[in-house]
Amino acid sequence: MKKLKKGNNVIIIYGNHKGKKGVIKKILTKSNKAIIDGVNMIKKHIKPELKNPKGKILKKESPIHISNLKKL
């Protein structure tokens, strides 16, 4: 396993987001993935409910496997 920690600056070396840089927000040790600030954004649709009658679309970061990251 690579020596990546929360707060490290990394660059993505493989995949759709190749070449993008960011800071590690969180490391998921069981699945060997990391969440990078502002990279690999996904849209999550929230159904309407009593608190939020219109519903909404949230943008959040999705994890990336650590083998696709390189420490700067």
PDB file of N, CA and C in Angstrom:
ATOM      1  N   MET A   1       0.841  -1.184   0.000  1.00  0.00           N
ATOM      2  CA  MET A   1       0.000   0.000   0.000  1.00  0.00           C
ATOM      3  C   MET A   1       0.885   1.245   0.000  1.00  0.00           C
ATOM      4  N   LYS A   2       0.485   2.252  -0.765  1.00  0.00           N
ATOM      5  CA  LYS A   2       1.246   3.490  -0.853  1.00  0.00           C
ATOM      6  C   LYS A   2       1.151   4.265   0.448  1.00  0.00           C
ATOM      7  N   LYS A   3       2.101   5.142   0.682  1.00  0.00           N
ATOM      8  CA  LYS A   3       2.139   5.949   1.900  1.00  0.00           C
ATOM      9  C   LYS A   3       1.391   7.266   1.692  1.00  0.00           C
ATOM     10  N   LEU A   4       0.101   7.178   1.426  1.00  0.00           N
ATOM     11  CA  LEU A   4      -0.727   8.364   1.261  1.00  0.00           C
ATOM     12  C   LEU A   4      -1.462   8.643   2.561  1.00  0.00           C
ATOM     13  N   LYS A   5      -1.557   9.925   2.910  1.00  0.00           N
ATOM     14  CA  LYS A   5      -2.227  10.331   4.136  1.00  0.00           C
ATOM     15  C   LYS A   5      -3.188  11.473   3.840  1.00  0.00           C
ATOM     16  N   LYS A   6      -4.087  11.707   4.770  1.00  0.00           N
ATOM     17  CA  LYS A   6      -5.024  12.822   4.665  1.00  0.00           C
ATOM     18  C   LYS A   6      -4.230  14.129   4.614  1.00  0.00           C
ATOM     19  N   GLY A   7      -4.561  14.985   3.654  1.00  0.00           N
ATOM     20  CA  GLY A   7      -3.885  16.267   3.519  1.00  0.00           C
ATOM     21  C   GLY A   7      -2.764  16.280   2.490  1.00  0.00           C
ATOM     22  N   ASN A   8      -2.366  15.124   1.946  1.00  0.00           N
ATOM     23  CA  ASN A   8      -1.320  15.068   0.919  1.00  0.00           C
ATOM     24  C   ASN A   8      -1.833  15.642  -0.400  1.00  0.00           C
ATOM     25  N   ASN A   9      -0.938  16.295  -1.142  1.00  0.00           N
ATOM     26  CA  ASN A   9      -1.246  16.729  -2.502  1.00  0.00           C
ATOM     27  C   ASN A   9      -0.955  15.575  -3.438  1.00  0.00           C
ATOM     28  N   VAL A  10      -1.909  15.252  -4.318  1.00  0.00           N
ATOM     29  CA  VAL A  10      -1.750  14.138  -5.244  1.00  0.00           C
ATOM     30  C   VAL A  10      -2.156  14.555  -6.651  1.00  0.00           C
ATOM     31  N   ILE A  11      -1.698  13.765  -7.616  1.00  0.00           N
ATOM     32  CA  ILE A  11      -2.114  13.922  -9.010  1.00  0.00           C
ATOM     33  C   ILE A  11      -2.672  12.578  -9.457  1.00  0.00           C
ATOM     34  N   ILE A  12      -3.706  12.622 -10.282  1.00  0.00           N
ATOM     35  CA  ILE A  12      -4.327  11.393 -10.784  1.00  0.00           C
ATOM     36  C   ILE A  12      -3.590  10.981 -12.047  1.00  0.00           C
ATOM     37  N   ILE A  13      -3.124   9.722 -12.073  1.00  0.00           N
ATOM     38  CA  ILE A  13      -2.274   9.258 -13.174  1.00  0.00           C
ATOM     39  C   ILE A  13      -2.999   8.347 -14.157  1.00  0.00           C
ATOM     40  N   TYR A  14      -4.248   7.965 -13.858  1.00  0.00           N
ATOM     41  CA  TYR A  14      -4.969   7.048 -14.742  1.00  0.00           C
ATOM     42  C   TYR A  14      -6.464   7.291 -14.616  1.00  0.00           C
ATOM     43  N   GLY A  15      -7.193   7.168 -15.719  1.00  0.00           N
ATOM     44  CA  GLY A  15      -8.646   7.263 -15.687  1.00  0.00           C
ATOM     45  C   GLY A  15      -9.165   8.538 -16.329  1.00  0.00           C
ATOM     46  N   ASN A  16     -10.456   8.785 -16.152  1.00  0.00           N
ATOM     47  CA  ASN A  16     -11.113   9.935 -16.764  1.00  0.00           C
ATOM     48  C   ASN A  16     -10.585  11.272 -16.262  1.00  0.00           C
ATOM     49  N   HIS A  17     -10.076  11.300 -15.055  1.00  0.00           N
ATOM     50  CA  HIS A  17      -9.619  12.543 -14.447  1.00  0.00           C
ATOM     51  C   HIS A  17      -8.101  12.656 -14.450  1.00  0.00           C
ATOM     52  N   LYS A  18      -7.451  11.990 -15.394  1.00  0.00           N
ATOM     53  CA  LYS A  18      -5.991  11.966 -15.488  1.00  0.00           C
ATOM     54  C   LYS A  18      -5.438  13.386 -15.605  1.00  0.00           C
ATOM     55  N   GLY A  19      -4.425  13.678 -14.780  1.00  0.00           N
ATOM     56  CA  GLY A  19      -3.780  14.983 -14.828  1.00  0.00           C
ATOM     57  C   GLY A  19      -4.309  15.988 -13.821  1.00  0.00           C
ATOM     58  N   LYS A  20      -5.443  15.706 -13.209  1.00  0.00           N
ATOM     59  CA  LYS A  20      -6.008  16.629 -12.228  1.00  0.00           C
ATOM     60  C   LYS A  20      -5.270  16.481 -10.902  1.00  0.00           C
ATOM     61  N   LYS A  21      -5.168  17.611 -10.194  1.00  0.00           N
ATOM     62  CA  LYS A  21      -4.479  17.631  -8.904  1.00  0.00           C
ATOM     63  C   LYS A  21      -5.473  17.964  -7.811  1.00  0.00           C
ATOM     64  N   GLY A  22      -5.175  17.511  -6.597  1.00  0.00           N
ATOM     65  CA  GLY A  22      -6.047  17.804  -5.474  1.00  0.00           C
ATOM     66  C   GLY A  22      -5.432  17.368  -4.159  1.00  0.00           C
ATOM     67  N   VAL A  23      -6.188  17.625  -3.087  1.00  0.00           N
ATOM     68  CA  VAL A  23      -5.760  17.283  -1.727  1.00  0.00           C
ATOM     69  C   VAL A  23      -6.650  16.158  -1.226  1.00  0.00           C
ATOM     70  N   ILE A  24      -6.059  15.174  -0.555  1.00  0.00           N
ATOM     71  CA  ILE A  24      -6.828  14.046  -0.022  1.00  0.00           C
ATOM     72  C   ILE A  24      -7.663  14.513   1.162  1.00  0.00           C
ATOM     73  N   LYS A  25      -8.982  14.272   1.073  1.00  0.00           N
ATOM     74  CA  LYS A  25      -9.898  14.595   2.161  1.00  0.00           C
ATOM     75  C   LYS A  25     -10.023  13.444   3.146  1.00  0.00           C
ATOM     76  N   LYS A  26     -10.075  12.221   2.604  1.00  0.00           N
ATOM     77  CA  LYS A  26     -10.323  11.049   3.432  1.00  0.00           C
ATOM     78  C   LYS A  26      -9.739   9.822   2.751  1.00  0.00           C
ATOM     79  N   ILE A  27      -9.225   8.879   3.569  1.00  0.00           N
ATOM     80  CA  ILE A  27      -8.715   7.596   3.071  1.00  0.00           C
ATOM     81  C   ILE A  27      -9.660   6.497   3.541  1.00  0.00           C
ATOM     82  N   LEU A  28     -10.102   5.644   2.612  1.00  0.00           N
ATOM     83  CA  LEU A  28     -10.945   4.494   2.939  1.00  0.00           C
ATOM     84  C   LEU A  28     -10.042   3.259   2.907  1.00  0.00           C
ATOM     85  N   THR A  29      -9.588   2.818   4.074  1.00  0.00           N
ATOM     86  CA  THR A  29      -8.566   1.776   4.132  1.00  0.00           C
ATOM     87  C   THR A  29      -9.059   0.400   3.716  1.00  0.00           C
ATOM     88  N   LYS A  30     -10.303   0.059   4.017  1.00  0.00           N
ATOM     89  CA  LYS A  30     -10.807  -1.276   3.671  1.00  0.00           C
ATOM     90  C   LYS A  30     -10.898  -1.495   2.168  1.00  0.00           C
ATOM     91  N   SER A  31     -11.279  -0.453   1.437  1.00  0.00           N
ATOM     92  CA  SER A  31     -11.425  -0.591  -0.015  1.00  0.00           C
ATOM     93  C   SER A  31     -10.234  -0.009  -0.787  1.00  0.00           C
ATOM     94  N   ASN A  32      -9.190   0.483  -0.075  1.00  0.00           N
ATOM     95  CA  ASN A  32      -8.010   1.088  -0.704  1.00  0.00           C
ATOM     96  C   ASN A  32      -8.378   2.218  -1.653  1.00  0.00           C
ATOM     97  N   LYS A  33      -9.233   3.113  -1.209  1.00  0.00           N
ATOM     98  CA  LYS A  33      -9.653   4.251  -2.013  1.00  0.00           C
ATOM     99  C   LYS A  33      -9.465   5.535  -1.234  1.00  0.00           C
ATOM    100  N   ALA A  34      -9.440   6.643  -1.960  1.00  0.00           N
ATOM    101  CA  ALA A  34      -9.277   7.956  -1.342  1.00  0.00           C
ATOM    102  C   ALA A  34     -10.275   8.922  -1.964  1.00  0.00           C
ATOM    103  N   ILE A  35     -10.719   9.888  -1.170  1.00  0.00           N
ATOM    104  CA  ILE A  35     -11.600  10.943  -1.665  1.00  0.00           C
ATOM    105  C   ILE A  35     -10.744  12.191  -1.826  1.00  0.00           C
ATOM    106  N   ILE A  36     -10.714  12.734  -3.055  1.00  0.00           N
ATOM    107  CA  ILE A  36      -9.905  13.897  -3.392  1.00  0.00           C
ATOM    108  C   ILE A  36     -10.825  15.108  -3.496  1.00  0.00           C
ATOM    109  N   ASP A  37     -10.396  16.225  -2.918  1.00  0.00           N
ATOM    110  CA  ASP A  37     -11.199  17.444  -2.888  1.00  0.00           C
ATOM    111  C   ASP A  37     -11.406  17.997  -4.300  1.00  0.00           C
ATOM    112  N   GLY A  38     -12.661  18.065  -4.763  1.00  0.00           N
ATOM    113  CA  GLY A  38     -13.013  18.663  -6.044  1.00  0.00           C
ATOM    114  C   GLY A  38     -12.773  17.805  -7.271  1.00  0.00           C
ATOM    115  N   VAL A  39     -12.447  16.527  -7.104  1.00  0.00           N
ATOM    116  CA  VAL A  39     -12.173  15.640  -8.244  1.00  0.00           C
ATOM    117  C   VAL A  39     -13.142  14.464  -8.200  1.00  0.00           C
ATOM    118  N   ASN A  40     -13.544  13.956  -9.369  1.00  0.00           N
ATOM    119  CA  ASN A  40     -14.442  12.803  -9.505  1.00  0.00           C
ATOM    120  C   ASN A  40     -15.813  13.106  -8.892  1.00  0.00           C
ATOM    121  N   MET A  41     -16.389  14.242  -9.273  1.00  0.00           N
ATOM    122  CA  MET A  41     -17.683  14.668  -8.747  1.00  0.00           C
ATOM    123  C   MET A  41     -18.804  13.845  -9.392  1.00  0.00           C
ATOM    124  N   ILE A  42     -19.780  13.448  -8.568  1.00  0.00           N
ATOM    125  CA  ILE A  42     -20.962  12.748  -9.058  1.00  0.00           C
ATOM    126  C   ILE A  42     -22.199  13.534  -8.630  1.00  0.00           C
ATOM    127  N   LYS A  43     -23.310  13.278  -9.307  1.00  0.00           N
ATOM    128  CA  LYS A  43     -24.573  13.911  -8.944  1.00  0.00           C
ATOM    129  C   LYS A  43     -25.460  12.894  -8.254  1.00  0.00           C
ATOM    130  N   LYS A  44     -25.963  13.249  -7.087  1.00  0.00           N
ATOM    131  CA  LYS A  44     -26.844  12.375  -6.317  1.00  0.00           C
ATOM    132  C   LYS A  44     -28.213  13.033  -6.245  1.00  0.00           C
ATOM    133  N   HIS A  45     -29.225  12.326  -6.707  1.00  0.00           N
ATOM    134  CA  HIS A  45     -30.583  12.857  -6.735  1.00  0.00           C
ATOM    135  C   HIS A  45     -31.288  12.538  -5.427  1.00  0.00           C
ATOM    136  N   ILE A  46     -31.864  13.576  -4.806  1.00  0.00           N
ATOM    137  CA  ILE A  46     -32.580  13.436  -3.542  1.00  0.00           C
ATOM    138  C   ILE A  46     -34.073  13.541  -3.821  1.00  0.00           C
ATOM    139  N   LYS A  47     -34.841  12.534  -3.363  1.00  0.00           N
ATOM    140  CA  LYS A  47     -36.285  12.527  -3.584  1.00  0.00           C
ATOM    141  C   LYS A  47     -36.972  13.604  -2.749  1.00  0.00           C
ATOM    142  N   PRO A  48     -38.098  14.107  -3.204  1.00  0.00           N
ATOM    143  CA  PRO A  48     -38.868  15.047  -2.393  1.00  0.00           C
ATOM    144  C   PRO A  48     -39.368  14.381  -1.109  1.00  0.00           C
ATOM    145  N   GLU A  49     -39.354  15.134  -0.014  1.00  0.00           N
ATOM    146  CA  GLU A  49     -39.852  14.646   1.267  1.00  0.00           C
ATOM    147  C   GLU A  49     -40.384  15.850   2.058  1.00  0.00           C
ATOM    148  N   LEU A  50     -40.809  15.627   3.282  1.00  0.00           N
ATOM    149  CA  LEU A  50     -41.404  16.706   4.066  1.00  0.00           C
ATOM    150  C   LEU A  50     -40.425  17.855   4.312  1.00  0.00           C
ATOM    151  N   LYS A  51     -39.188  17.546   4.653  1.00  0.00           N
ATOM    152  CA  LYS A  51     -38.188  18.587   4.899  1.00  0.00           C
ATOM    153  C   LYS A  51     -37.838  19.355   3.633  1.00  0.00           C
ATOM    154  N   ASN A  52     -37.826  18.650   2.515  1.00  0.00           N
ATOM    155  CA  ASN A  52     -37.414  19.231   1.243  1.00  0.00           C
ATOM    156  C   ASN A  52     -38.454  18.867   0.183  1.00  0.00           C
ATOM    157  N   PRO A  53     -39.546  19.632   0.068  1.00  0.00           N
ATOM    158  CA  PRO A  53     -40.645  19.235  -0.822  1.00  0.00           C
ATOM    159  C   PRO A  53     -40.303  19.221  -2.321  1.00  0.00           C
ATOM    160  N   LYS A  54     -39.296  19.979  -2.753  1.00  0.00           N
ATOM    161  CA  LYS A  54     -38.949  19.988  -4.169  1.00  0.00           C
ATOM    162  C   LYS A  54     -37.931  18.914  -4.543  1.00  0.00           C
ATOM    163  N   GLY A  55     -37.160  18.426  -3.567  1.00  0.00           N
ATOM    164  CA  GLY A  55     -36.068  17.516  -3.891  1.00  0.00           C
ATOM    165  C   GLY A  55     -34.888  18.318  -4.390  1.00  0.00           C
ATOM    166  N   LYS A  56     -33.763  17.679  -4.640  1.00  0.00           N
ATOM    167  CA  LYS A  56     -32.599  18.407  -5.145  1.00  0.00           C
ATOM    168  C   LYS A  56     -31.578  17.447  -5.723  1.00  0.00           C
ATOM    169  N   ILE A  57     -30.574  18.030  -6.365  1.00  0.00           N
ATOM    170  CA  ILE A  57     -29.455  17.277  -6.906  1.00  0.00           C
ATOM    171  C   ILE A  57     -28.199  17.757  -6.193  1.00  0.00           C
ATOM    172  N   LEU A  58     -27.522  16.845  -5.499  1.00  0.00           N
ATOM    173  CA  LEU A  58     -26.284  17.169  -4.786  1.00  0.00           C
ATOM    174  C   LEU A  58     -25.085  16.740  -5.617  1.00  0.00           C
ATOM    175  N   LYS A  59     -24.004  17.548  -5.565  1.00  0.00           N
ATOM    176  CA  LYS A  59     -22.744  17.163  -6.186  1.00  0.00           C
ATOM    177  C   LYS A  59     -21.788  16.806  -5.065  1.00  0.00           C
ATOM    178  N   LYS A  60     -21.191  15.603  -5.148  1.00  0.00           N
ATOM    179  CA  LYS A  60     -20.234  15.196  -4.128  1.00  0.00           C
ATOM    180  C   LYS A  60     -19.115  14.390  -4.752  1.00  0.00           C
ATOM    181  N   GLU A  61     -18.015  14.280  -4.005  1.00  0.00           N
ATOM    182  CA  GLU A  61     -16.851  13.548  -4.502  1.00  0.00           C
ATOM    183  C   GLU A  61     -17.048  12.045  -4.342  1.00  0.00           C
ATOM    184  N   SER A  62     -16.584  11.310  -5.321  1.00  0.00           N
ATOM    185  CA  SER A  62     -16.621   9.856  -5.288  1.00  0.00           C
ATOM    186  C   SER A  62     -15.184   9.359  -5.081  1.00  0.00           C
ATOM    187  N   PRO A  63     -14.995   8.230  -4.391  1.00  0.00           N
ATOM    188  CA  PRO A  63     -13.629   7.749  -4.144  1.00  0.00           C
ATOM    189  C   PRO A  63     -12.919   7.251  -5.400  1.00  0.00           C
ATOM    190  N   ILE A  64     -11.580   7.360  -5.366  1.00  0.00           N
ATOM    191  CA  ILE A  64     -10.706   6.896  -6.445  1.00  0.00           C
ATOM    192  C   ILE A  64      -9.722   5.901  -5.834  1.00  0.00           C
ATOM    193  N   HIS A  65      -9.446   4.815  -6.532  1.00  0.00           N
ATOM    194  CA  HIS A  65      -8.510   3.806  -6.031  1.00  0.00           C
ATOM    195  C   HIS A  65      -7.112   4.412  -5.897  1.00  0.00           C
ATOM    196  N   ILE A  66      -6.422   4.063  -4.816  1.00  0.00           N
ATOM    197  CA  ILE A  66      -5.119   4.691  -4.556  1.00  0.00           C
ATOM    198  C   ILE A  66      -4.039   4.303  -5.556  1.00  0.00           C
ATOM    199  N   SER A  67      -4.248   3.221  -6.302  1.00  0.00           N
ATOM    200  CA  SER A  67      -3.263   2.848  -7.324  1.00  0.00           C
ATOM    201  C   SER A  67      -3.269   3.844  -8.488  1.00  0.00           C
ATOM    202  N   ASN A  68      -4.316   4.655  -8.585  1.00  0.00           N
ATOM    203  CA  ASN A  68      -4.416   5.657  -9.649  1.00  0.00           C
ATOM    204  C   ASN A  68      -3.910   7.019  -9.205  1.00  0.00           C
ATOM    205  N   LEU A  69      -3.302   7.105  -8.021  1.00  0.00           N
ATOM    206  CA  LEU A  69      -2.830   8.377  -7.480  1.00  0.00           C
ATOM    207  C   LEU A  69      -1.316   8.373  -7.350  1.00  0.00           C
ATOM    208  N   LYS A  70      -0.725   9.567  -7.466  1.00  0.00           N
ATOM    209  CA  LYS A  70       0.705   9.737  -7.281  1.00  0.00           C
ATOM    210  C   LYS A  70       0.921  10.949  -6.387  1.00  0.00           C
ATOM    211  N   LYS A  71       1.743  10.778  -5.362  1.00  0.00           N
ATOM    212  CA  LYS A  71       2.024  11.847  -4.411  1.00  0.00           C
ATOM    213  C   LYS A  71       2.898  12.915  -5.078  1.00  0.00           C
ATOM    214  N   LEU A  72       2.567  14.197  -4.841  1.00  0.00           N
ATOM    215  CA  LEU A  72       3.374  15.280  -5.397  1.00  0.00           C
ATOM    216  C   LEU A  72       4.466  15.703  -4.443  1.00  0.00           C
TER     217      LEU A  72
END
